[in-house]
Each structure stands twice: as C-alpha cells, then as structure tokens.
Amino acid sequence: MPTSSPTPVLPVPTPETRFFWEGTRAGELRFQKCRACAKAIFPPRPFCPHCLSDKLEVVSASGVATLLTYVISHLPVPGFTPPYSIAVVRLEEGPQMLTNIVNCPQSPESLELDMRLKVIFKKASDDIWLPLFEPYPVREGVSA
C-alpha cells in the first residue's frame, strides 16, 4: 500500500489553545479546570461547558490515560503511514481526547480497550508537538 506524504496538516494555535501547544512543546499535556465547579475541560475553550463560568485555570495532566475506543485506518493521509490508529483516550484526570496510539502493532490484538497508555510528544514543526499515546507500561518484546 502506498505511504502518505510526510507533512500532516498541522493545527494553528489560537488564544484559547496557545497554552496547550506551549505545553506540548515543553513536554507537558495541559488542560483546563473550572474554578467554579472543579470539572476538567478539554478541548480548550473560553468558558466551562458545565456551569458556563469563565473562571478557568490551566493544569498539567499526569500523561497517563485509558483507551476508550479506536479505529485502525488503512487510508493514506498526509503525515501517516497506514495502518494507524485513531483513538479516544480518557486522561486519569477525566478529560477525553482524540489521538493516535503508537509504538505498538496496529491490530485489535495489541490495541485492547481499557489498556493503560502514556503520552509522548512528536515534533511536527518548531511550534507544534503532537501528543500521541503508547502502551504503558511498554510491553517487552513489542515493537512499532
């Protein structure tokens, strides 16, 4: 199967997402937490979707997550070589995010629902480091 071009379409930081991308560049996964209702918020936004408060703070996640669901794509997309996973994970702190699972075979036998994952960061440009997740702890004898 042909491989895709090496350049993915990259996100453009906005005032609401700048903290997130600055965090990934620094090797931290950051999200918002509402000071009014204490709920975790992701993706970034200017107000709490739970109580509508604008009293938000930025906190760092542990980087540990659980795999909720995924699909394995065999379609070429810029920046990805098939097969690759498109996954939804839940961070230990509660928020869910869309991501990719890497450093393991892209098969149902290797991508088990509820498996523990740990964030890693891949440099996509000088400003954008993408948060990806790998099995945690890393399984011995398993290669990407």
C-alpha atoms as a PDB file:
ATOM      1  CA  MET A   1       0.000   0.000   0.000  1.00  0.00           C
ATOM      2  CA  PRO A   2       1.413   3.472  -0.791  1.00  0.00           C
ATOM      3  CA  THR A   3       2.612   5.617   2.038  1.00  0.00           C
ATOM      4  CA  SER A   4       1.378   9.101   2.645  1.00  0.00           C
ATOM      5  CA  SER A   5       3.328  12.332   2.297  1.00  0.00           C
ATOM      6  CA  PRO A   6       5.414  13.200   5.366  1.00  0.00           C
ATOM      7  CA  THR A   7       3.710  16.520   6.100  1.00  0.00           C
ATOM      8  CA  PRO A   8       0.468  16.391   8.082  1.00  0.00           C
ATOM      9  CA  VAL A   9      -1.944  19.299   8.221  1.00  0.00           C
ATOM     10  CA  LEU A  10      -0.970  20.999  11.470  1.00  0.00           C
ATOM     11  CA  PRO A  11      -3.196  22.807  13.956  1.00  0.00           C
ATOM     12  CA  VAL A  12      -2.938  26.577  14.240  1.00  0.00           C
ATOM     13  CA  PRO A  13      -2.776  27.773  17.854  1.00  0.00           C
ATOM     14  CA  THR A  14      -5.461  30.273  18.862  1.00  0.00           C
ATOM     15  CA  PRO A  15      -5.628  32.408  22.018  1.00  0.00           C
ATOM     16  CA  GLU A  16      -7.743  29.644  23.625  1.00  0.00           C
ATOM     17  CA  THR A  17      -5.381  26.801  22.635  1.00  0.00           C
ATOM     18  CA  ARG A  18      -1.993  28.511  22.937  1.00  0.00           C
ATOM     19  CA  PHE A  19      -1.392  27.142  26.472  1.00  0.00           C
ATOM     20  CA  PHE A  20      -1.996  23.598  25.198  1.00  0.00           C
ATOM     21  CA  TRP A  21       0.534  23.869  22.357  1.00  0.00           C
ATOM     22  CA  GLU A  22       3.088  25.646  24.559  1.00  0.00           C
ATOM     23  CA  GLY A  23       2.687  22.726  26.961  1.00  0.00           C
ATOM     24  CA  THR A  24       3.217  20.039  24.335  1.00  0.00           C
ATOM     25  CA  ARG A  25       6.338  21.870  23.159  1.00  0.00           C
ATOM     26  CA  ALA A  26       7.566  21.765  26.793  1.00  0.00           C
ATOM     27  CA  GLY A  27       6.706  18.060  27.131  1.00  0.00           C
ATOM     28  CA  GLU A  28       3.549  18.623  29.208  1.00  0.00           C
ATOM     29  CA  LEU A  29      -0.043  17.704  28.499  1.00  0.00           C
ATOM     30  CA  ARG A  30      -2.176  20.603  29.761  1.00  0.00           C
ATOM     31  CA  PHE A  31      -5.929  21.061  30.101  1.00  0.00           C
ATOM     32  CA  GLN A  32      -8.297  23.489  31.789  1.00  0.00           C
ATOM     33  CA  LYS A  33     -10.090  23.103  35.083  1.00  0.00           C
ATOM     34  CA  CYS A  34     -13.059  25.199  36.172  1.00  0.00           C
ATOM     35  CA  ARG A  35     -12.526  27.051  39.461  1.00  0.00           C
ATOM     36  CA  ALA A  36     -16.294  27.342  39.939  1.00  0.00           C
ATOM     37  CA  CYS A  37     -17.377  23.690  39.544  1.00  0.00           C
ATOM     38  CA  ALA A  38     -13.956  21.924  39.617  1.00  0.00           C
ATOM     39  CA  LYS A  39     -14.649  19.991  36.375  1.00  0.00           C
ATOM     40  CA  ALA A  40     -11.857  19.194  33.938  1.00  0.00           C
ATOM     41  CA  ILE A  41     -12.278  20.718  30.471  1.00  0.00           C
ATOM     42  CA  PHE A  42     -10.923  19.548  27.134  1.00  0.00           C
ATOM     43  CA  PRO A  43     -10.685  20.662  24.381  1.00  0.00           C
ATOM     44  CA  PRO A  44      -9.706  24.204  25.394  1.00  0.00           C
ATOM     45  CA  ARG A  45     -12.447  26.825  25.380  1.00  0.00           C
ATOM     46  CA  PRO A  46     -13.125  30.279  26.853  1.00  0.00           C
ATOM     47  CA  PHE A  47     -15.761  29.085  29.383  1.00  0.00           C
ATOM     48  CA  CYS A  48     -16.822  25.971  31.296  1.00  0.00           C
ATOM     49  CA  PRO A  49     -19.315  23.856  29.317  1.00  0.00           C
ATOM     50  CA  HIS A  50     -20.723  22.523  32.596  1.00  0.00           C
ATOM     51  CA  CYS A  51     -21.506  25.707  34.551  1.00  0.00           C
ATOM     52  CA  LEU A  52     -20.661  28.445  31.983  1.00  0.00           C
ATOM     53  CA  SER A  53     -18.123  30.084  34.305  1.00  0.00           C
ATOM     54  CA  ASP A  54     -15.158  31.852  32.737  1.00  0.00           C
ATOM     55  CA  LYS A  55     -13.030  31.180  35.854  1.00  0.00           C
ATOM     56  CA  LEU A  56     -10.698  28.627  34.295  1.00  0.00           C
ATOM     57  CA  GLU A  57      -7.200  27.572  35.244  1.00  0.00           C
ATOM     58  CA  VAL A  58      -4.605  25.592  33.308  1.00  0.00           C
ATOM     59  CA  VAL A  59      -3.342  22.391  34.931  1.00  0.00           C
ATOM     60  CA  SER A  60      -0.885  19.701  33.859  1.00  0.00           C
ATOM     61  CA  ALA A  61      -2.038  16.142  33.335  1.00  0.00           C
ATOM     62  CA  SER A  62      -0.083  13.128  34.519  1.00  0.00           C
ATOM     63  CA  GLY A  63       0.007  11.929  30.912  1.00  0.00           C
ATOM     64  CA  VAL A  64      -1.488   8.553  31.835  1.00  0.00           C
ATOM     65  CA  ALA A  65      -4.683   7.569  30.019  1.00  0.00           C
ATOM     66  CA  THR A  66      -7.036   4.684  29.245  1.00  0.00           C
ATOM     67  CA  LEU A  67      -8.007   3.583  25.737  1.00  0.00           C
ATOM     68  CA  LEU A  68     -11.775   4.027  25.291  1.00  0.00           C
ATOM     69  CA  THR A  69     -12.239   3.287  21.588  1.00  0.00           C
ATOM     70  CA  TYR A  70     -10.326   3.296  18.300  1.00  0.00           C
ATOM     71  CA  VAL A  71     -10.357   2.514  14.627  1.00  0.00           C
ATOM     72  CA  ILE A  72      -7.473   1.282  12.541  1.00  0.00           C
ATOM     73  CA  SER A  73      -7.244   3.218   9.300  1.00  0.00           C
ATOM     74  CA  HIS A  74      -5.650   1.838   6.162  1.00  0.00           C
ATOM     75  CA  LEU A  75      -6.184   5.043   4.191  1.00  0.00           C
ATOM     76  CA  PRO A  76      -3.205   7.234   3.325  1.00  0.00           C
ATOM     77  CA  VAL A  77      -3.395  10.650   4.985  1.00  0.00           C
ATOM     78  CA  PRO A  78      -0.639  13.286   4.987  1.00  0.00           C
ATOM     79  CA  GLY A  79       1.756  12.539   7.824  1.00  0.00           C
ATOM     80  CA  PHE A  80       0.533   8.983   8.490  1.00  0.00           C
ATOM     81  CA  THR A  81       1.649   5.667   7.062  1.00  0.00           C
ATOM     82  CA  PRO A  82      -1.124   3.063   7.087  1.00  0.00           C
ATOM     83  CA  PRO A  83      -2.131   1.255   9.133  1.00  0.00           C
ATOM     84  CA  TYR A  84      -2.502   3.732  12.012  1.00  0.00           C
ATOM     85  CA  SER A  85      -4.957   4.064  14.860  1.00  0.00           C
ATOM     86  CA  ILE A  86      -7.306   6.933  15.552  1.00  0.00           C
ATOM     87  CA  ALA A  87      -8.296   6.694  19.196  1.00  0.00           C
ATOM     88  CA  VAL A  88     -10.245   8.308  22.002  1.00  0.00           C
ATOM     89  CA  VAL A  89      -8.493   8.149  25.364  1.00  0.00           C
ATOM     90  CA  ARG A  90      -9.554   9.272  28.833  1.00  0.00           C
ATOM     91  CA  LEU A  91      -6.870  11.026  30.847  1.00  0.00           C
ATOM     92  CA  GLU A  92      -6.516   9.997  34.502  1.00  0.00           C
ATOM     93  CA  GLU A  93      -7.828  13.447  35.385  1.00  0.00           C
ATOM     94  CA  GLY A  94     -11.064  12.858  33.443  1.00  0.00           C
ATOM     95  CA  PRO A  95     -10.977  14.659  30.083  1.00  0.00           C
ATOM     96  CA  GLN A  96     -11.185  12.646  26.876  1.00  0.00           C
ATOM     97  CA  MET A  97      -9.137  13.411  23.789  1.00  0.00           C
ATOM     98  CA  LEU A  98      -8.716  12.222  20.224  1.00  0.00           C
ATOM     99  CA  THR A  99      -5.210  10.977  19.467  1.00  0.00           C
ATOM    100  CA  ASN A 100      -3.152   8.202  17.882  1.00  0.00           C
ATOM    101  CA  ILE A 101      -1.690   5.125  19.551  1.00  0.00           C
ATOM    102  CA  VAL A 102       1.934   4.480  18.561  1.00  0.00           C
ATOM    103  CA  ASN A 103       4.855   2.176  19.347  1.00  0.00           C
ATOM    104  CA  CYS A 104       2.779  -0.988  19.158  1.00  0.00           C
ATOM    105  CA  PRO A 105       1.334  -3.111  16.362  1.00  0.00           C
ATOM    106  CA  GLN A 106      -1.779  -1.537  14.851  1.00  0.00           C
ATOM    107  CA  SER A 107      -4.019  -4.554  15.384  1.00  0.00           C
ATOM    108  CA  PRO A 108      -7.010  -5.470  17.554  1.00  0.00           C
ATOM    109  CA  GLU A 109      -4.784  -7.990  19.361  1.00  0.00           C
ATOM    110  CA  SER A 110      -2.471  -5.180  20.518  1.00  0.00           C
ATOM    111  CA  LEU A 111      -4.965  -2.340  20.984  1.00  0.00           C
ATOM    112  CA  GLU A 112      -7.064  -3.572  23.878  1.00  0.00           C
ATOM    113  CA  LEU A 113      -9.900  -1.434  25.209  1.00  0.00           C
ATOM    114  CA  ASP A 114      -9.172  -0.125  28.725  1.00  0.00           C
ATOM    115  CA  MET A 115      -5.418  -0.571  28.249  1.00  0.00           C
ATOM    116  CA  ARG A 116      -3.228   1.963  30.043  1.00  0.00           C
ATOM    117  CA  LEU A 117      -1.381   4.476  27.918  1.00  0.00           C
ATOM    118  CA  LYS A 118       1.224   7.180  28.460  1.00  0.00           C
ATOM    119  CA  VAL A 119       1.615  10.358  26.428  1.00  0.00           C
ATOM    120  CA  ILE A 120       4.664  11.014  24.279  1.00  0.00           C
ATOM    121  CA  PHE A 121       5.273  14.049  22.090  1.00  0.00           C
ATOM    122  CA  LYS A 122       6.270  14.079  18.416  1.00  0.00           C
ATOM    123  CA  LYS A 123       7.754  17.205  16.889  1.00  0.00           C
ATOM    124  CA  ALA A 124       5.705  18.215  13.837  1.00  0.00           C
ATOM    125  CA  SER A 125       7.138  21.754  13.453  1.00  0.00           C
ATOM    126  CA  ASP A 126       9.068  24.259  15.548  1.00  0.00           C
ATOM    127  CA  ASP A 127       5.814  25.293  17.249  1.00  0.00           C
ATOM    128  CA  ILE A 128       3.712  22.127  17.202  1.00  0.00           C
ATOM    129  CA  TRP A 129       4.499  18.953  19.114  1.00  0.00           C
ATOM    130  CA  LEU A 130       1.710  16.389  18.765  1.00  0.00           C
ATOM    131  CA  PRO A 131       0.592  14.400  21.816  1.00  0.00           C
ATOM    132  CA  LEU A 132       0.482  10.691  20.974  1.00  0.00           C
ATOM    133  CA  PHE A 133      -0.001   7.748  23.300  1.00  0.00           C
ATOM    134  CA  GLU A 134       1.840   4.453  23.694  1.00  0.00           C
ATOM    135  CA  PRO A 135       1.152   1.386  25.848  1.00  0.00           C
ATOM    136  CA  TYR A 136       2.115   1.920  29.496  1.00  0.00           C
ATOM    137  CA  PRO A 137       3.995   0.234  30.810  1.00  0.00           C
ATOM    138  CA  VAL A 138       5.629  -0.533  27.490  1.00  0.00           C
ATOM    139  CA  ARG A 139       5.301  -4.247  26.781  1.00  0.00           C
ATOM    140  CA  GLU A 140       8.577  -6.111  26.426  1.00  0.00           C
ATOM    141  CA  GLY A 141       9.285  -7.558  23.007  1.00  0.00           C
ATOM    142  CA  VAL A 142       6.761  -5.330  21.240  1.00  0.00           C
ATOM    143  CA  SER A 143       7.985  -3.008  18.536  1.00  0.00           C
ATOM    144  CA  ALA A 144       6.172  -0.456  16.411  1.00  0.00           C
END
